[in-house]
PDB file of N, CA and C in Angstrom:
ATOM      1  N   MET A   1      -0.790  94.366  32.629  1.00  0.00           N
ATOM      2  CA  MET A   1      -0.513  93.038  32.150  1.00  0.00           C
ATOM      3  C   MET A   1       0.926  92.688  32.505  1.00  0.00           C
ATOM      4  N   ASP A   2       1.112  91.529  33.104  1.00  0.00           N
ATOM      5  CA  ASP A   2       2.433  91.082  33.512  1.00  0.00           C
ATOM      6  C   ASP A   2       3.103  90.354  32.349  1.00  0.00           C
ATOM      7  N   VAL A   3       4.324  90.748  32.015  1.00  0.00           N
ATOM      8  CA  VAL A   3       5.075  90.127  30.925  1.00  0.00           C
ATOM      9  C   VAL A   3       5.896  88.976  31.508  1.00  0.00           C
ATOM     10  N   PRO A   4       5.746  87.771  30.951  1.00  0.00           N
ATOM     11  CA  PRO A   4       6.540  86.658  31.470  1.00  0.00           C
ATOM     12  C   PRO A   4       8.020  86.844  31.140  1.00  0.00           C
ATOM     13  N   ILE A   5       8.856  86.522  32.120  1.00  0.00           N
ATOM     14  CA  ILE A   5      10.309  86.576  31.929  1.00  0.00           C
ATOM     15  C   ILE A   5      10.838  85.174  32.165  1.00  0.00           C
ATOM     16  N   LEU A   6      11.422  84.602  31.120  1.00  0.00           N
ATOM     17  CA  LEU A   6      11.957  83.251  31.186  1.00  0.00           C
ATOM     18  C   LEU A   6      13.471  83.302  31.310  1.00  0.00           C
ATOM     19  N   LYS A   7      14.030  82.336  32.037  1.00  0.00           N
ATOM     20  CA  LYS A   7      15.477  82.213  32.142  1.00  0.00           C
ATOM     21  C   LYS A   7      15.913  81.073  31.235  1.00  0.00           C
ATOM     22  N   GLN A   8      16.843  81.357  30.326  1.00  0.00           N
ATOM     23  CA  GLN A   8      17.385  80.356  29.403  1.00  0.00           C
ATOM     24  C   GLN A   8      18.901  80.471  29.472  1.00  0.00           C
ATOM     25  N   ARG A   9      19.546  79.478  30.063  1.00  0.00           N
ATOM     26  CA  ARG A   9      20.999  79.515  30.298  1.00  0.00           C
ATOM     27  C   ARG A   9      21.353  80.800  31.049  1.00  0.00           C
ATOM     28  N   ASP A  10      22.231  81.608  30.475  1.00  0.00           N
ATOM     29  CA  ASP A  10      22.654  82.852  31.126  1.00  0.00           C
ATOM     30  C   ASP A  10      21.818  84.051  30.702  1.00  0.00           C
ATOM     31  N   TYR A  11      20.691  83.795  30.043  1.00  0.00           N
ATOM     32  CA  TYR A  11      19.903  84.882  29.476  1.00  0.00           C
ATOM     33  C   TYR A  11      18.502  84.941  30.069  1.00  0.00           C
ATOM     34  N   LEU A  12      17.940  86.138  30.038  1.00  0.00           N
ATOM     35  CA  LEU A  12      16.535  86.344  30.368  1.00  0.00           C
ATOM     36  C   LEU A  12      15.814  86.699  29.075  1.00  0.00           C
ATOM     37  N   ILE A  13      14.607  86.155  28.919  1.00  0.00           N
ATOM     38  CA  ILE A  13      13.809  86.429  27.726  1.00  0.00           C
ATOM     39  C   ILE A  13      12.460  86.971  28.174  1.00  0.00           C
ATOM     40  N   ALA A  14      12.170  88.198  27.763  1.00  0.00           N
ATOM     41  CA  ALA A  14      10.875  88.817  28.060  1.00  0.00           C
ATOM     42  C   ALA A  14      10.116  88.924  26.745  1.00  0.00           C
ATOM     43  N   SER A  15       8.997  88.240  26.682  1.00  0.00           N
ATOM     44  CA  SER A  15       8.209  88.214  25.457  1.00  0.00           C
ATOM     45  C   SER A  15       6.942  89.039  25.645  1.00  0.00           C
ATOM     46  N   ILE A  16       6.903  90.182  24.969  1.00  0.00           N
ATOM     47  CA  ILE A  16       5.754  91.081  25.061  1.00  0.00           C
ATOM     48  C   ILE A  16       4.728  90.622  24.034  1.00  0.00           C
ATOM     49  N   GLN A  17       3.592  90.145  24.522  1.00  0.00           N
ATOM     50  CA  GLN A  17       2.577  89.537  23.654  1.00  0.00           C
ATOM     51  C   GLN A  17       1.460  90.488  23.237  1.00  0.00           C
ATOM     52  N   ALA A  18       1.327  91.595  23.948  1.00  0.00           N
ATOM     53  CA  ALA A  18       0.244  92.538  23.642  1.00  0.00           C
ATOM     54  C   ALA A  18       0.701  93.941  24.012  1.00  0.00           C
ATOM     55  N   VAL A  19      -0.026  94.925  23.528  1.00  0.00           N
ATOM     56  CA  VAL A  19       0.300  96.310  23.838  1.00  0.00           C
ATOM     57  C   VAL A  19       0.252  96.498  25.356  1.00  0.00           C
ATOM     58  N   LEU A  20       1.275  97.167  25.877  1.00  0.00           N
ATOM     59  CA  LEU A  20       1.364  97.416  27.311  1.00  0.00           C
ATOM     60  C   LEU A  20       1.034  98.870  27.614  1.00  0.00           C
ATOM     61  N   THR A  21       0.462  99.085  28.777  1.00  0.00           N
ATOM     62  CA  THR A  21       0.282 100.464  29.228  1.00  0.00           C
ATOM     63  C   THR A  21       1.662 101.017  29.597  1.00  0.00           C
ATOM     64  N   ASP A  22       1.738 102.317  29.745  1.00  0.00           N
ATOM     65  CA  ASP A  22       3.004 102.920  30.157  1.00  0.00           C
ATOM     66  C   ASP A  22       3.458 102.346  31.497  1.00  0.00           C
ATOM     67  N   ARG A  23       2.524 102.168  32.421  1.00  0.00           N
ATOM     68  CA  ARG A  23       2.840 101.619  33.745  1.00  0.00           C
ATOM     69  C   ARG A  23       3.363 100.192  33.615  1.00  0.00           C
ATOM     70  N   ASP A  24       2.739  99.361  32.768  1.00  0.00           N
ATOM     71  CA  ASP A  24       3.198  97.987  32.557  1.00  0.00           C
ATOM     72  C   ASP A  24       4.623  97.964  32.016  1.00  0.00           C
ATOM     73  N   LEU A  25       4.915  98.869  31.099  1.00  0.00           N
ATOM     74  CA  LEU A  25       6.247  98.934  30.507  1.00  0.00           C
ATOM     75  C   LEU A  25       7.284  99.337  31.550  1.00  0.00           C
ATOM     76  N   LEU A  26       6.943 100.282  32.400  1.00  0.00           N
ATOM     77  CA  LEU A  26       7.854 100.690  33.467  1.00  0.00           C
ATOM     78  C   LEU A  26       8.053  99.570  34.481  1.00  0.00           C
ATOM     79  N   ASN A  27       6.992  98.823  34.775  1.00  0.00           N
ATOM     80  CA  ASN A  27       7.109  97.672  35.684  1.00  0.00           C
ATOM     81  C   ASN A  27       8.031  96.613  35.085  1.00  0.00           C
ATOM     82  N   LEU A  28       7.900  96.358  33.783  1.00  0.00           N
ATOM     83  CA  LEU A  28       8.773  95.401  33.109  1.00  0.00           C
ATOM     84  C   LEU A  28      10.221  95.866  33.207  1.00  0.00           C
ATOM     85  N   ARG A  29      10.457  97.139  32.964  1.00  0.00           N
ATOM     86  CA  ARG A  29      11.810  97.693  33.069  1.00  0.00           C
ATOM     87  C   ARG A  29      12.406  97.430  34.446  1.00  0.00           C
ATOM     88  N   ASP A  30      11.651  97.776  35.477  1.00  0.00           N
ATOM     89  CA  ASP A  30      12.142  97.613  36.845  1.00  0.00           C
ATOM     90  C   ASP A  30      12.406  96.146  37.178  1.00  0.00           C
ATOM     91  N   LYS A  31      11.500  95.289  36.753  1.00  0.00           N
ATOM     92  CA  LYS A  31      11.628  93.856  37.033  1.00  0.00           C
ATOM     93  C   LYS A  31      12.841  93.259  36.323  1.00  0.00           C
ATOM     94  N   LEU A  32      13.037  93.608  35.060  1.00  0.00           N
ATOM     95  CA  LEU A  32      14.172  93.074  34.303  1.00  0.00           C
ATOM     96  C   LEU A  32      15.506  93.554  34.870  1.00  0.00           C
ATOM     97  N   VAL A  33      15.590  94.838  35.173  1.00  0.00           N
ATOM     98  CA  VAL A  33      16.834  95.378  35.722  1.00  0.00           C
ATOM     99  C   VAL A  33      17.171  94.673  37.036  1.00  0.00           C
ATOM    100  N   GLN A  34      16.163  94.398  37.849  1.00  0.00           N
ATOM    101  CA  GLN A  34      16.371  93.679  39.113  1.00  0.00           C
ATOM    102  C   GLN A  34      16.780  92.229  38.866  1.00  0.00           C
ATOM    103  N   GLN A  35      16.095  91.548  37.953  1.00  0.00           N
ATOM    104  CA  GLN A  35      16.370  90.133  37.722  1.00  0.00           C
ATOM    105  C   GLN A  35      17.717  89.875  37.071  1.00  0.00           C
ATOM    106  N   VAL A  36      18.242  90.833  36.331  1.00  0.00           N
ATOM    107  CA  VAL A  36      19.590  90.673  35.772  1.00  0.00           C
ATOM    108  C   VAL A  36      20.578  90.409  36.908  1.00  0.00           C
ATOM    109  N   GLY A  37      20.447  91.149  37.991  1.00  0.00           N
ATOM    110  CA  GLY A  37      21.323  90.942  39.149  1.00  0.00           C
ATOM    111  C   GLY A  37      20.990  89.675  39.902  1.00  0.00           C
ATOM    112  N   ASN A  38      19.700  89.406  40.087  1.00  0.00           N
ATOM    113  CA  ASN A  38      19.289  88.212  40.837  1.00  0.00           C
ATOM    114  C   ASN A  38      19.803  86.930  40.197  1.00  0.00           C
ATOM    115  N   PHE A  39      19.731  86.855  38.874  1.00  0.00           N
ATOM    116  CA  PHE A  39      20.131  85.640  38.157  1.00  0.00           C
ATOM    117  C   PHE A  39      21.542  85.739  37.564  1.00  0.00           C
ATOM    118  N   ARG A  40      22.210  86.887  37.791  1.00  0.00           N
ATOM    119  CA  ARG A  40      23.554  87.104  37.241  1.00  0.00           C
ATOM    120  C   ARG A  40      23.563  86.853  35.729  1.00  0.00           C
ATOM    121  N   SER A  41      22.551  87.380  35.083  1.00  0.00           N
ATOM    122  CA  SER A  41      22.358  87.170  33.645  1.00  0.00           C
ATOM    123  C   SER A  41      23.417  87.894  32.836  1.00  0.00           C
ATOM    124  N   LYS A  42      23.796  87.286  31.729  1.00  0.00           N
ATOM    125  CA  LYS A  42      24.770  87.883  30.815  1.00  0.00           C
ATOM    126  C   LYS A  42      24.078  88.629  29.685  1.00  0.00           C
ATOM    127  N   GLY A  43      22.794  88.327  29.459  1.00  0.00           N
ATOM    128  CA  GLY A  43      22.077  88.967  28.375  1.00  0.00           C
ATOM    129  C   GLY A  43      20.577  88.920  28.567  1.00  0.00           C
ATOM    130  N   VAL A  44      19.905  89.829  27.880  1.00  0.00           N
ATOM    131  CA  VAL A  44      18.445  89.924  27.919  1.00  0.00           C
ATOM    132  C   VAL A  44      17.933  90.040  26.496  1.00  0.00           C
ATOM    133  N   ILE A  45      16.900  89.272  26.201  1.00  0.00           N
ATOM    134  CA  ILE A  45      16.224  89.394  24.913  1.00  0.00           C
ATOM    135  C   ILE A  45      14.839  89.963  25.175  1.00  0.00           C
ATOM    136  N   LEU A  46      14.542  91.067  24.512  1.00  0.00           N
ATOM    137  CA  LEU A  46      13.207  91.667  24.564  1.00  0.00           C
ATOM    138  C   LEU A  46      12.518  91.321  23.258  1.00  0.00           C
ATOM    139  N   ASP A  47      11.550  90.430  23.330  1.00  0.00           N
ATOM    140  CA  ASP A  47      10.825  89.973  22.140  1.00  0.00           C
ATOM    141  C   ASP A  47       9.553  90.796  21.982  1.00  0.00           C
ATOM    142  N   VAL A  48       9.513  91.607  20.925  1.00  0.00           N
ATOM    143  CA  VAL A  48       8.368  92.490  20.689  1.00  0.00           C
ATOM    144  C   VAL A  48       7.530  92.021  19.495  1.00  0.00           C
ATOM    145  N   THR A  49       7.647  90.742  19.159  1.00  0.00           N
ATOM    146  CA  THR A  49       6.925  90.188  18.010  1.00  0.00           C
ATOM    147  C   THR A  49       5.430  90.457  18.082  1.00  0.00           C
ATOM    148  N   GLY A  50       4.866  90.437  19.276  1.00  0.00           N
ATOM    149  CA  GLY A  50       3.428  90.612  19.439  1.00  0.00           C
ATOM    150  C   GLY A  50       2.937  92.041  19.295  1.00  0.00           C
ATOM    151  N   LEU A  51       3.841  92.983  19.118  1.00  0.00           N
ATOM    152  CA  LEU A  51       3.429  94.387  19.019  1.00  0.00           C
ATOM    153  C   LEU A  51       3.268  94.809  17.569  1.00  0.00           C
ATOM    154  N   ASP A  52       2.128  95.381  17.269  1.00  0.00           N
ATOM    155  CA  ASP A  52       1.916  95.895  15.915  1.00  0.00           C
ATOM    156  C   ASP A  52       1.997  97.410  15.877  1.00  0.00           C
ATOM    157  N   VAL A  53       2.337  98.011  17.021  1.00  0.00           N
ATOM    158  CA  VAL A  53       2.543  99.456  17.094  1.00  0.00           C
ATOM    159  C   VAL A  53       3.459  99.748  18.284  1.00  0.00           C
ATOM    160  N   MET A  54       4.343 100.734  18.111  1.00  0.00           N
ATOM    161  CA  MET A  54       5.180 101.211  19.215  1.00  0.00           C
ATOM    162  C   MET A  54       5.206 102.724  19.145  1.00  0.00           C
ATOM    163  N   ASP A  55       4.788 103.362  20.229  1.00  0.00           N
ATOM    164  CA  ASP A  55       4.802 104.817  20.271  1.00  0.00           C
ATOM    165  C   ASP A  55       6.144 105.313  20.789  1.00  0.00           C
ATOM    166  N   SER A  56       6.304 106.622  20.844  1.00  0.00           N
ATOM    167  CA  SER A  56       7.592 107.193  21.241  1.00  0.00           C
ATOM    168  C   SER A  56       7.955 106.823  22.676  1.00  0.00           C
ATOM    169  N   PHE A  57       6.966 106.743  23.568  1.00  0.00           N
ATOM    170  CA  PHE A  57       7.245 106.359  24.950  1.00  0.00           C
ATOM    171  C   PHE A  57       7.766 104.926  25.007  1.00  0.00           C
ATOM    172  N   SER A  58       7.146 104.024  24.258  1.00  0.00           N
ATOM    173  CA  SER A  58       7.582 102.621  24.240  1.00  0.00           C
ATOM    174  C   SER A  58       9.005 102.492  23.727  1.00  0.00           C
ATOM    175  N   VAL A  59       9.293 103.158  22.628  1.00  0.00           N
ATOM    176  CA  VAL A  59      10.632 103.083  22.037  1.00  0.00           C
ATOM    177  C   VAL A  59      11.660 103.646  23.004  1.00  0.00           C
ATOM    178  N   ARG A  60      11.372 104.802  23.575  1.00  0.00           N
ATOM    179  CA  ARG A  60      12.300 105.425  24.525  1.00  0.00           C
ATOM    180  C   ARG A  60      12.506 104.544  25.756  1.00  0.00           C
ATOM    181  N   THR A  61      11.437 103.941  26.258  1.00  0.00           N
ATOM    182  CA  THR A  61      11.539 103.089  27.440  1.00  0.00           C
ATOM    183  C   THR A  61      12.336 101.820  27.139  1.00  0.00           C
ATOM    184  N   LEU A  62      12.124 101.215  25.975  1.00  0.00           N
ATOM    185  CA  LEU A  62      12.906 100.034  25.590  1.00  0.00           C
ATOM    186  C   LEU A  62      14.385 100.388  25.470  1.00  0.00           C
ATOM    187  N   ARG A  63      14.674 101.527  24.862  1.00  0.00           N
ATOM    188  CA  ARG A  63      16.066 101.970  24.718  1.00  0.00           C
ATOM    189  C   ARG A  63      16.692 102.220  26.088  1.00  0.00           C
ATOM    190  N   ASP A  64      15.980 102.924  26.962  1.00  0.00           N
ATOM    191  CA  ASP A  64      16.487 103.203  28.308  1.00  0.00           C
ATOM    192  C   ASP A  64      16.680 101.905  29.092  1.00  0.00           C
ATOM    193  N   MET A  65      15.743 100.974  28.932  1.00  0.00           N
ATOM    194  CA  MET A  65      15.824  99.685  29.609  1.00  0.00           C
ATOM    195  C   MET A  65      17.107  98.956  29.209  1.00  0.00           C
ATOM    196  N   ALA A  66      17.407  98.962  27.926  1.00  0.00           N
ATOM    197  CA  ALA A  66      18.618  98.294  27.437  1.00  0.00           C
ATOM    198  C   ALA A  66      19.866  98.949  28.017  1.00  0.00           C
ATOM    199  N   HIS A  67      19.863 100.275  28.123  1.00  0.00           N
ATOM    200  CA  HIS A  67      21.022 100.970  28.682  1.00  0.00           C
ATOM    201  C   HIS A  67      21.154 100.687  30.185  1.00  0.00           C
ATOM    202  N   MET A  68      20.049 100.609  30.905  1.00  0.00           N
ATOM    203  CA  MET A  68      20.090 100.285  32.332  1.00  0.00           C
ATOM    204  C   MET A  68      20.617  98.864  32.546  1.00  0.00           C
ATOM    205  N   ILE A  69      20.151  97.946  31.717  1.00  0.00           N
ATOM    206  CA  ILE A  69      20.604  96.557  31.806  1.00  0.00           C
ATOM    207  C   ILE A  69      22.099  96.485  31.520  1.00  0.00           C
ATOM    208  N   ARG A  70      22.566  97.273  30.572  1.00  0.00           N
ATOM    209  CA  ARG A  70      23.999  97.315  30.258  1.00  0.00           C
ATOM    210  C   ARG A  70      24.803  97.795  31.461  1.00  0.00           C
ATOM    211  N   LEU A  71      24.278  98.779  32.172  1.00  0.00           N
ATOM    212  CA  LEU A  71      24.949  99.270  33.371  1.00  0.00           C
ATOM    213  C   LEU A  71      24.986  98.212  34.473  1.00  0.00           C
ATOM    214  N   ARG A  72      24.072  97.244  34.403  1.00  0.00           N
ATOM    215  CA  ARG A  72      24.053  96.137  35.372  1.00  0.00           C
ATOM    216  C   ARG A  72      24.953  94.989  34.919  1.00  0.00           C
ATOM    217  N   GLY A  73      25.603  95.133  33.756  1.00  0.00           N
ATOM    218  CA  GLY A  73      26.569  94.138  33.317  1.00  0.00           C
ATOM    219  C   GLY A  73      26.072  93.138  32.303  1.00  0.00           C
ATOM    220  N   ALA A  74      24.898  93.347  31.746  1.00  0.00           N
ATOM    221  CA  ALA A  74      24.351  92.417  30.753  1.00  0.00           C
ATOM    222  C   ALA A  74      24.090  93.156  29.441  1.00  0.00           C
ATOM    223  N   ASP A  75      24.047  92.394  28.373  1.00  0.00           N
ATOM    224  CA  ASP A  75      23.742  92.954  27.059  1.00  0.00           C
ATOM    225  C   ASP A  75      22.274  92.702  26.738  1.00  0.00           C
ATOM    226  N   THR A  76      21.707  93.542  25.886  1.00  0.00           N
ATOM    227  CA  THR A  76      20.305  93.416  25.491  1.00  0.00           C
ATOM    228  C   THR A  76      20.210  93.406  23.977  1.00  0.00           C
ATOM    229  N   VAL A  77      19.293  92.592  23.468  1.00  0.00           N
ATOM    230  CA  VAL A  77      18.959  92.622  22.049  1.00  0.00           C
ATOM    231  C   VAL A  77      17.432  92.610  21.952  1.00  0.00           C
ATOM    232  N   ILE A  78      16.899  93.454  21.083  1.00  0.00           N
ATOM    233  CA  ILE A  78      15.454  93.508  20.857  1.00  0.00           C
ATOM    234  C   ILE A  78      15.173  92.722  19.587  1.00  0.00           C
ATOM    235  N   VAL A  79      14.235  91.796  19.670  1.00  0.00           N
ATOM    236  CA  VAL A  79      13.928  90.937  18.527  1.00  0.00           C
ATOM    237  C   VAL A  79      12.457  91.054  18.139  1.00  0.00           C
ATOM    238  N   GLY A  80      12.192  90.747  16.875  1.00  0.00           N
ATOM    239  CA  GLY A  80      10.818  90.615  16.413  1.00  0.00           C
ATOM    240  C   GLY A  80      10.101  91.891  16.023  1.00  0.00           C
ATOM    241  N   ILE A  81      10.832  92.934  15.688  1.00  0.00           N
ATOM    242  CA  ILE A  81      10.146  94.163  15.259  1.00  0.00           C
ATOM    243  C   ILE A  81       9.470  93.885  13.919  1.00  0.00           C
ATOM    244  N   GLN A  82       8.156  94.055  13.884  1.00  0.00           N
ATOM    245  CA  GLN A  82       7.370  93.781  12.686  1.00  0.00           C
ATOM    246  C   GLN A  82       7.681  94.816  11.593  1.00  0.00           C
ATOM    247  N   PRO A  83       7.567  94.429  10.318  1.00  0.00           N
ATOM    248  CA  PRO A  83       7.889  95.360   9.228  1.00  0.00           C
ATOM    249  C   PRO A  83       7.132  96.679   9.305  1.00  0.00           C
ATOM    250  N   GLU A  84       5.836  96.621   9.604  1.00  0.00           N
ATOM    251  CA  GLU A  84       5.052  97.861   9.656  1.00  0.00           C
ATOM    252  C   GLU A  84       5.466  98.731  10.838  1.00  0.00           C
ATOM    253  N   VAL A  85       5.932  98.111  11.924  1.00  0.00           N
ATOM    254  CA  VAL A  85       6.420  98.867  13.072  1.00  0.00           C
ATOM    255  C   VAL A  85       7.736  99.549  12.705  1.00  0.00           C
ATOM    256  N   ALA A  86       8.625  98.812  12.047  1.00  0.00           N
ATOM    257  CA  ALA A  86       9.900  99.382  11.608  1.00  0.00           C
ATOM    258  C   ALA A  86       9.659 100.567  10.673  1.00  0.00           C
ATOM    259  N   PHE A  87       8.733 100.401   9.751  1.00  0.00           N
ATOM    260  CA  PHE A  87       8.403 101.470   8.805  1.00  0.00           C
ATOM    261  C   PHE A  87       7.910 102.710   9.555  1.00  0.00           C
ATOM    262  N   ALA A  88       6.978 102.510  10.485  1.00  0.00           N
ATOM    263  CA  ALA A  88       6.414 103.634  11.240  1.00  0.00           C
ATOM    264  C   ALA A  88       7.486 104.312  12.095  1.00  0.00           C
ATOM    265  N   MET A  89       8.374 103.504  12.707  1.00  0.00           N
ATOM    266  CA  MET A  89       9.439 104.087  13.526  1.00  0.00           C
ATOM    267  C   MET A  89      10.337 104.998  12.698  1.00  0.00           C
ATOM    268  N   VAL A  90      10.691 104.546  11.501  1.00  0.00           N
ATOM    269  CA  VAL A  90      11.547 105.353  10.630  1.00  0.00           C
ATOM    270  C   VAL A  90      10.801 106.622  10.207  1.00  0.00           C
ATOM    271  N   GLN A  91       9.541 106.489   9.826  1.00  0.00           N
ATOM    272  CA  GLN A  91       8.758 107.648   9.399  1.00  0.00           C
ATOM    273  C   GLN A  91       8.606 108.686  10.508  1.00  0.00           C
ATOM    274  N   LEU A  92       8.523 108.202  11.760  1.00  0.00           N
ATOM    275  CA  LEU A  92       8.337 109.100  12.905  1.00  0.00           C
ATOM    276  C   LEU A  92       9.659 109.549  13.524  1.00  0.00           C
ATOM    277  N   GLY A  93      10.784 109.047  13.002  1.00  0.00           N
ATOM    278  CA  GLY A  93      12.089 109.426  13.530  1.00  0.00           C
ATOM    279  C   GLY A  93      12.409 108.795  14.872  1.00  0.00           C
ATOM    280  N   LEU A  94      11.782 107.656  15.183  1.00  0.00           N
ATOM    281  CA  LEU A  94      12.037 106.968  16.448  1.00  0.00           C
ATOM    282  C   LEU A  94      13.218 106.021  16.276  1.00  0.00           C
ATOM    283  N   SER A  95      14.104 106.013  17.256  1.00  0.00           N
ATOM    284  CA  SER A  95      15.329 105.228  17.130  1.00  0.00           C
ATOM    285  C   SER A  95      15.624 104.415  18.382  1.00  0.00           C
ATOM    286  N   LEU A  96      16.173 103.238  18.171  1.00  0.00           N
ATOM    287  CA  LEU A  96      16.668 102.407  19.269  1.00  0.00           C
ATOM    288  C   LEU A  96      18.196 102.521  19.305  1.00  0.00           C
ATOM    289  N   GLU A  97      18.677 103.726  19.110  1.00  0.00           N
ATOM    290  CA  GLU A  97      20.114 103.991  19.002  1.00  0.00           C
ATOM    291  C   GLU A  97      20.898 103.300  20.112  1.00  0.00           C
ATOM    292  N   GLY A  98      21.925 102.570  19.691  1.00  0.00           N
ATOM    293  CA  GLY A  98      22.795 101.893  20.648  1.00  0.00           C
ATOM    294  C   GLY A  98      22.279 100.555  21.135  1.00  0.00           C
ATOM    295  N   VAL A  99      21.115 100.143  20.660  1.00  0.00           N
ATOM    296  CA  VAL A  99      20.532  98.873  21.094  1.00  0.00           C
ATOM    297  C   VAL A  99      20.469  97.944  19.889  1.00  0.00           C
ATOM    298  N   PRO A 100      21.151  96.800  19.963  1.00  0.00           N
ATOM    299  CA  PRO A 100      21.102  95.866  18.837  1.00  0.00           C
ATOM    300  C   PRO A 100      19.715  95.252  18.670  1.00  0.00           C
ATOM    301  N   THR A 101      19.382  94.945  17.433  1.00  0.00           N
ATOM    302  CA  THR A 101      18.123  94.275  17.125  1.00  0.00           C
ATOM    303  C   THR A 101      18.426  93.039  16.294  1.00  0.00           C
ATOM    304  N   ALA A 102      17.478  92.103  16.313  1.00  0.00           N
ATOM    305  CA  ALA A 102      17.613  90.887  15.516  1.00  0.00           C
ATOM    306  C   ALA A 102      16.235  90.510  15.003  1.00  0.00           C
ATOM    307  N   LEU A 103      16.230  89.683  13.972  1.00  0.00           N
ATOM    308  CA  LEU A 103      14.984  89.302  13.320  1.00  0.00           C
ATOM    309  C   LEU A 103      14.041  88.548  14.251  1.00  0.00           C
ATOM    310  N   ASP A 104      14.568  87.557  14.986  1.00  0.00           N
ATOM    311  CA  ASP A 104      13.713  86.730  15.832  1.00  0.00           C
ATOM    312  C   ASP A 104      14.510  86.207  17.023  1.00  0.00           C
ATOM    313  N   LEU A 105      13.863  85.389  17.841  1.00  0.00           N
ATOM    314  CA  LEU A 105      14.480  84.860  19.057  1.00  0.00           C
ATOM    315  C   LEU A 105      15.746  84.065  18.743  1.00  0.00           C
ATOM    316  N   GLU A 106      15.697  83.237  17.732  1.00  0.00           N
ATOM    317  CA  GLU A 106      16.856  82.436  17.355  1.00  0.00           C
ATOM    318  C   GLU A 106      18.057  83.325  17.011  1.00  0.00           C
ATOM    319  N   GLU A 107      17.820  84.361  16.220  1.00  0.00           N
ATOM    320  CA  GLU A 107      18.894  85.288  15.858  1.00  0.00           C
ATOM    321  C   GLU A 107      19.385  86.075  17.077  1.00  0.00           C
ATOM    322  N   GLY A 108      18.465  86.408  17.984  1.00  0.00           N
ATOM    323  CA  GLY A 108      18.841  87.122  19.203  1.00  0.00           C
ATOM    324  C   GLY A 108      19.753  86.286  20.085  1.00  0.00           C
ATOM    325  N   LEU A 109      19.418  85.005  20.242  1.00  0.00           N
ATOM    326  CA  LEU A 109      20.277  84.109  21.024  1.00  0.00           C
ATOM    327  C   LEU A 109      21.645  83.959  20.373  1.00  0.00           C
ATOM    328  N   ALA A 110      21.653  83.837  19.049  1.00  0.00           N
ATOM    329  CA  ALA A 110      22.924  83.726  18.322  1.00  0.00           C
ATOM    330  C   ALA A 110      23.754  84.994  18.516  1.00  0.00           C
ATOM    331  N   TYR A 111      23.114  86.154  18.461  1.00  0.00           N
ATOM    332  CA  TYR A 111      23.817  87.424  18.655  1.00  0.00           C
ATOM    333  C   TYR A 111      24.465  87.469  20.037  1.00  0.00           C
ATOM    334  N   LEU A 112      23.694  87.161  21.077  1.00  0.00           N
ATOM    335  CA  LEU A 112      24.235  87.203  22.430  1.00  0.00           C
ATOM    336  C   LEU A 112      25.361  86.190  22.607  1.00  0.00           C
ATOM    337  N   GLY A 113      25.254  85.054  21.933  1.00  0.00           N
ATOM    338  CA  GLY A 113      26.287  84.029  22.025  1.00  0.00           C
ATOM    339  C   GLY A 113      27.607  84.440  21.393  1.00  0.00           C
ATOM    340  N   ARG A 114      27.564  85.406  20.491  1.00  0.00           N
ATOM    341  CA  ARG A 114      28.787  85.870  19.814  1.00  0.00           C
ATOM    342  C   ARG A 114      29.504  86.988  20.560  1.00  0.00           C
ATOM    343  N   ILE A 115      28.864  87.585  21.551  1.00  0.00           N
ATOM    344  CA  ILE A 115      29.479  88.696  22.274  1.00  0.00           C
ATOM    345  C   ILE A 115      30.554  88.134  23.202  1.00  0.00           C
ATOM    346  N   PRO A 116      31.789  88.623  23.079  1.00  0.00           N
ATOM    347  CA  PRO A 116      32.845  88.113  23.961  1.00  0.00           C
ATOM    348  C   PRO A 116      32.568  88.471  25.414  1.00  0.00           C
ATOM    349  N   LYS A 117      32.954  87.579  26.284  1.00  0.00           N
ATOM    350  CA  LYS A 117      32.771  87.834  27.706  1.00  0.00           C
ATOM    351  C   LYS A 117      33.693  88.955  28.143  1.00  0.00           C
ATOM    352  N   ARG A 118      33.192  89.828  29.017  1.00  0.00           N
ATOM    353  CA  ARG A 118      33.986  90.933  29.522  1.00  0.00           C
ATOM    354  C   ARG A 118      34.911  90.451  30.635  1.00  0.00           C
ATOM    355  N   PRO A 119      36.165  90.871  30.607  1.00  0.00           N
ATOM    356  CA  PRO A 119      37.073  90.434  31.673  1.00  0.00           C
ATOM    357  C   PRO A 119      36.695  91.070  33.001  1.00  0.00           C
ATOM    358  N   VAL A 120      36.888  90.313  34.057  1.00  0.00           N
ATOM    359  CA  VAL A 120      36.643  90.830  35.403  1.00  0.00           C
ATOM    360  C   VAL A 120      37.915  91.551  35.839  1.00  0.00           C
ATOM    361  N   PRO A 121      37.792  92.824  36.240  1.00  0.00           N
ATOM    362  CA  PRO A 121      38.999  93.561  36.637  1.00  0.00           C
ATOM    363  C   PRO A 121      39.641  92.933  37.858  1.00  0.00           C
ATOM    364  N   LYS A 122      40.977  92.918  37.851  1.00  0.00           N
ATOM    365  CA  LYS A 122      41.719  92.366  38.984  1.00  0.00           C
ATOM    366  C   LYS A 122      41.963  93.476  39.983  1.00  0.00           C
ATOM    367  N   HIS A 123      41.769  93.135  41.246  1.00  0.00           N
ATOM    368  CA  HIS A 123      42.007  94.096  42.317  1.00  0.00           C
ATOM    369  C   HIS A 123      43.457  93.983  42.768  1.00  0.00           C
ATOM    370  N   ARG A 124      44.082  95.108  42.957  1.00  0.00           N
ATOM    371  CA  ARG A 124      45.467  95.119  43.435  1.00  0.00           C
ATOM    372  C   ARG A 124      45.465  95.379  44.940  1.00  0.00           C
ATOM    373  N   PRO A 125      46.272  94.626  45.639  1.00  0.00           N
ATOM    374  CA  PRO A 125      46.327  94.834  47.120  1.00  0.00           C
ATOM    375  C   PRO A 125      46.949  96.153  47.504  1.00  0.00           C
TER     376      PRO A 125
END
């Protein structure tokens, strides 16, 4: 299943509407990491509102995806984690360590809007 990726200002928004296979999740990772550079995006929102379950592979892949995107110069926020998913993640010891989360898309956009822009290093002749 192909996940739609929308461009909104300087951000990319990927809204996962249904459970993805491992291959679909890896394809999304590769596509997002590539598009961050193509669109010179400053941030990515991963909307997981449509998921009612996340296994260890999904959590690890989302976390790795956020770290890869960070290495490409953009920030990531994961939004829409359902209460029962959050509960199960805590019970299973699954963590999105180092990846910010927000309640919904609106909060995710607000979060990205508050992050100060990183200075571009000056080259010395």
